[in-house]
Every structure is written in C-alpha cells, then in structure tokens.
Protein backbone atom coordinates (compact mmCIF):
# COMPACT_ATOMS: atom_id res chain seq x y z
CA MET A 1 -7.70 25.77 1.36
CA ASP A 2 -6.44 22.59 -0.27
CA ILE A 3 -7.30 19.35 1.57
CA LYS A 4 -3.64 18.28 1.49
CA LYS A 5 -2.55 21.47 3.25
CA ILE A 6 -5.26 21.02 5.85
CA ARG A 7 -4.15 17.41 6.30
CA ASN A 8 -0.50 18.39 6.73
CA TYR A 9 -1.26 21.18 9.21
CA LEU A 10 -3.57 18.93 11.20
CA MET A 11 -1.00 16.12 11.23
CA ILE A 12 1.69 18.51 12.47
CA ALA A 13 -0.66 19.81 15.17
CA VAL A 14 -1.65 16.29 16.23
CA VAL A 15 1.95 15.06 16.41
CA ALA A 16 3.04 18.19 18.31
CA CYS A 17 0.19 17.80 20.82
CA GLN A 18 0.90 14.09 21.23
CA ILE A 19 4.61 14.76 21.80
CA ALA A 20 3.70 17.45 24.34
CA LEU A 21 1.34 15.04 26.12
CA LEU A 22 3.92 12.25 26.18
CA THR A 23 6.61 14.65 27.41
CA TRP A 24 4.34 15.88 30.19
CA GLU A 25 3.46 12.31 31.17
CA SER A 26 7.15 11.30 31.11
CA LEU A 27 8.05 14.17 33.42
CA ASN A 28 5.13 13.45 35.77
CA GLY A 29 5.45 9.79 36.67
CA GLY A 30 5.78 8.05 33.32
CA VAL A 31 3.75 7.49 30.19
CA VAL A 32 0.33 6.08 31.05
CA THR A 33 -0.52 2.52 30.09
CA HIS A 34 -4.19 1.52 30.00
CA HIS A 35 -4.73 -2.09 31.07
CA PHE A 36 -7.61 -4.24 29.88
CA LEU A 37 -10.47 -4.26 32.40
CA ALA A 38 -8.38 -1.80 34.48
CA GLN A 39 -6.44 -4.76 35.91
CA GLU A 40 -2.69 -4.25 36.35
CA ASP A 41 -2.01 -7.95 35.70
CA MET A 42 -3.68 -7.73 32.26
CA PRO A 43 -1.87 -6.54 29.12
CA GLY A 44 -1.88 -2.81 28.57
CA LEU A 45 -1.78 -0.28 25.76
CA SER A 46 0.60 2.62 26.17
CA ASN A 47 -0.10 6.21 25.18
CA TRP A 48 2.98 5.93 22.98
CA TRP A 49 0.66 4.34 20.41
CA GLY A 50 -0.80 7.81 19.89
CA LEU A 51 2.25 8.75 17.83
CA LEU A 52 1.22 6.09 15.32
CA ILE A 53 -2.58 5.99 15.60
CA LEU A 54 -3.43 9.70 15.57
CA PRO A 55 -1.39 10.78 12.50
CA MET A 56 -2.59 7.65 10.69
CA LEU A 57 -6.23 8.53 11.44
CA VAL A 58 -5.72 12.13 10.29
CA TRP A 59 -4.13 10.94 7.04
CA LEU A 60 -6.88 8.36 6.42
CA THR A 61 -9.53 11.00 7.09
CA ALA A 62 -8.01 13.48 4.66
CA TYR A 63 -7.57 10.76 2.05
CA GLY A 64 -11.14 9.51 2.50
CA ILE A 65 -12.64 12.99 2.27
CA GLU A 66 -10.53 13.83 -0.77
CA HIS A 67 -11.49 10.56 -2.48
CA ARG A 68 -15.22 10.99 -1.79
CA SER A 69 -15.05 14.66 -2.79
CA LYS A 70 -13.55 13.82 -6.19
CA GLN A 71 -16.56 11.65 -6.97
CA ILE A 72 -18.89 14.67 -6.66
CA GLU A 73 -19.05 16.64 -9.89
CA ASP A 74 -21.29 19.53 -8.87
CA GLU A 75 -19.42 22.27 -6.97
CA GLN A 76 -22.41 23.09 -4.76
CA SER A 77 -22.81 19.43 -3.81
CA ARG A 78 -19.08 19.22 -3.10
CA LEU A 79 -19.33 22.25 -0.78
CA ALA A 80 -22.32 20.67 0.99
CA PHE A 81 -20.33 17.44 1.38
CA HIS A 82 -17.39 19.29 2.95
CA THR A 83 -19.77 21.12 5.29
CA VAL A 84 -21.36 17.85 6.44
CA ALA A 85 -17.93 16.25 6.91
CA ALA A 86 -16.69 19.22 8.94
CA ARG A 87 -19.83 19.22 11.09
CA SER A 88 -19.47 15.49 11.68
CA PHE A 89 -15.84 15.93 12.75
CA VAL A 90 -16.50 18.93 15.01
CA GLY A 91 -19.64 17.38 16.50
CA MET A 92 -17.90 14.16 17.49
CA LEU A 93 -14.86 16.13 18.68
CA LEU A 94 -17.06 18.17 21.03
CA ILE A 95 -18.99 15.13 22.25
CA SER A 96 -15.73 13.32 22.96
CA LEU A 97 -14.26 16.32 24.77
CA ILE A 98 -17.37 16.54 26.95
CA GLN A 99 -17.35 12.80 27.63
CA SER A 100 -13.61 12.81 28.42
CA THR A 101 -13.99 15.78 30.74
CA ILE A 102 -16.82 14.02 32.59
CA PHE A 103 -14.69 10.86 32.83
CA SER A 104 -11.65 12.80 34.06
CA LEU A 105 -13.72 14.46 36.78
CA GLY A 106 -14.52 11.02 38.17
CA TYR A 107 -18.01 10.49 36.80
CA SER A 108 -17.23 7.33 34.85
CA SER A 109 -20.80 6.01 34.97
CA ILE A 110 -22.09 9.19 33.30
CA ALA A 111 -19.33 8.93 30.67
CA ALA A 112 -20.31 5.30 30.00
CA SER A 113 -23.96 6.34 29.69
CA LEU A 114 -22.94 9.01 27.20
CA LEU A 115 -21.26 6.30 25.11
CA LEU A 116 -24.60 4.46 25.00
CA VAL A 117 -26.30 7.70 23.91
CA ILE A 118 -23.74 8.00 21.11
CA ALA A 119 -24.48 4.39 20.11
CA PHE A 120 -28.19 5.30 19.96
CA ILE A 121 -27.42 8.35 17.82
CA ALA A 122 -25.39 6.06 15.55
CA LEU A 123 -28.64 4.33 14.61
CA PHE A 124 -29.74 7.49 12.81
CA LEU A 125 -26.53 9.27 11.79
CA PRO A 126 -23.66 7.75 9.79
CA LEU A 127 -21.09 7.79 12.59
CA TYR A 128 -19.14 5.04 10.81
CA ARG A 129 -17.56 7.67 8.55
CA ILE A 130 -13.90 8.36 9.16
CA GLU A 131 -14.37 12.06 9.95
CA ALA A 132 -16.65 11.17 12.88
CA ILE A 133 -14.23 8.50 14.07
CA VAL A 134 -11.20 10.79 14.01
CA GLY A 135 -13.15 13.58 15.72
CA TYR A 136 -14.11 11.25 18.55
CA VAL A 137 -10.61 9.79 18.96
CA LEU A 138 -8.88 13.19 18.87
CA GLY A 139 -11.33 14.59 21.41
CA GLY A 140 -10.58 11.88 23.93
CA ALA A 141 -6.90 11.38 23.18
CA TYR A 142 -5.58 14.20 25.31
CA PHE A 143 -7.57 13.17 28.40
CA THR A 144 -7.31 9.39 28.36
CA GLY A 145 -4.81 8.68 25.59
CA PRO A 146 -5.78 7.52 22.11
CA MET A 147 -6.49 3.89 22.95
CA LEU A 148 -9.61 4.27 25.12
CA PRO A 149 -11.45 6.48 22.60
CA PHE A 150 -10.31 4.15 19.81
CA VAL A 151 -11.85 1.20 21.66
CA GLY A 152 -14.99 3.23 22.41
CA VAL A 153 -15.36 4.14 18.76
CA VAL A 154 -15.71 0.45 17.88
CA LEU A 155 -19.05 0.27 19.72
CA PHE A 156 -20.83 3.06 17.89
CA VAL A 157 -19.22 2.26 14.53
CA ILE A 158 -20.58 -1.30 14.68
CA VAL A 159 -24.04 0.01 15.62
CA SER A 160 -23.92 2.60 12.83
CA VAL A 161 -22.75 0.14 10.17
CA VAL A 162 -25.41 -2.43 11.10
CA ALA A 163 -28.11 0.26 11.15
CA HIS A 164 -27.15 1.93 7.87
CA PHE A 165 -26.12 -1.09 5.80
CA GLY A 166 -28.35 -3.78 7.31
CA ILE A 167 -31.48 -2.44 8.95
CA LYS A 168 -32.09 0.71 6.88
CA PRO A 169 -32.00 -1.05 3.46
CA LEU A 170 -34.30 -3.73 4.84
CA ILE A 171 -36.81 -1.13 6.04
CA VAL A 172 -36.63 0.71 2.70
CA ARG A 173 -37.24 -2.53 0.85
CA LEU A 174 -40.21 -3.42 3.07
CA LYS A 175 -41.74 0.06 2.70
CA ALA A 176 -41.31 0.17 -1.09
CA PRO A 177 -44.60 -0.16 -2.94
CA LYS A 178 -45.03 -3.52 -4.54
CA VAL A 179 -45.52 -3.32 -8.28
CA ILE A 180 -47.63 -6.02 -9.82
CA SER A 181 -46.66 -6.67 -13.38
CA GLU A 182 -49.26 -7.89 -15.82
C-alpha cells in the first residue's frame, strides 16, 4: 500500500479516536487538563491539544519515512527499512500502552521506572526516530492525553540522540585502528 494512503487512513483514525476521547471526556466531567507538577495552581495543558499534535506527528512520520525510503535505491533494502520502521512504531506503541495501563491502574512509580528502562534502551536503539516517537505518543494518548507521553518522549529522545550522535561516534573513533603513515 502507498505510504500516502497509509498516512491518510492513520490520520483519519487518529482524529476520529481523539474526537471520540474528547467527546467522552466532555460528557463525563470535562476535558482533562494536565497541570505541571500535578499542581492545580500551575499552568496546564489540555487534551484538546491532541487534535493538533497527533495528526501532525502522524503526518511528520509518514513524510519522514517516505523521504528516507526514497533515498534507498535497492528494493530489498527499502523493504528492510520499512520493516524496521514498522517494528519500531509497533514496539514503542506496545511499550507505551503497557506503561499507560500501569499508570492508569495507580502504579505510577512502576510506570516512572519503565520510563527509565526506555531511556536505558535508548542508549542502544535509535529511539530518536519519528516512528518510535509517534508510536510512544499514540500509545499513551488515549490513557493520559497526548501531552504526558509527548513530555515523556523528550527524555528518551535526548538520551538516544546523545548516545547515537555523541557517544557512539566517539567510541568508534577510539576503537578504530591507528594507521601509521610512513
């Protein structure tokens, strides 16, 4: 299936789910606002932002995958790339769903510990890629709204970027054999 069709179907599904969530919240006490540090006197972020953030993330993900895919000339490599991107999306979606379920059941300390585990995993896997980010945000959006997962994503993206673009090249450079020219 064409990436643009997938993008459009996913955007429609995301918007429909977000509208359903906001409608349900409106009919059951009002749309939830998440306050900084869980303090009512602090500024808050409403779940209404999901109507902007989630479709934007889906569009950016589809665009990023399409752009990176066009740079791959070999069809087998392109298929492998799409497989890795899909696994990254689904993996982070499942992790986020598990973490959100644990958080919703009242085990917030376990959910916070799981975020640290994800940050550790980010040292070894490129979780800075947009497909991992959107998988994580979508997985948590329907439990806690899109803002909390979006804030949580910042932690492991920073760890992943530093590890993959700072530490890893440094280690590779240090491990490279030194060539002595004559």
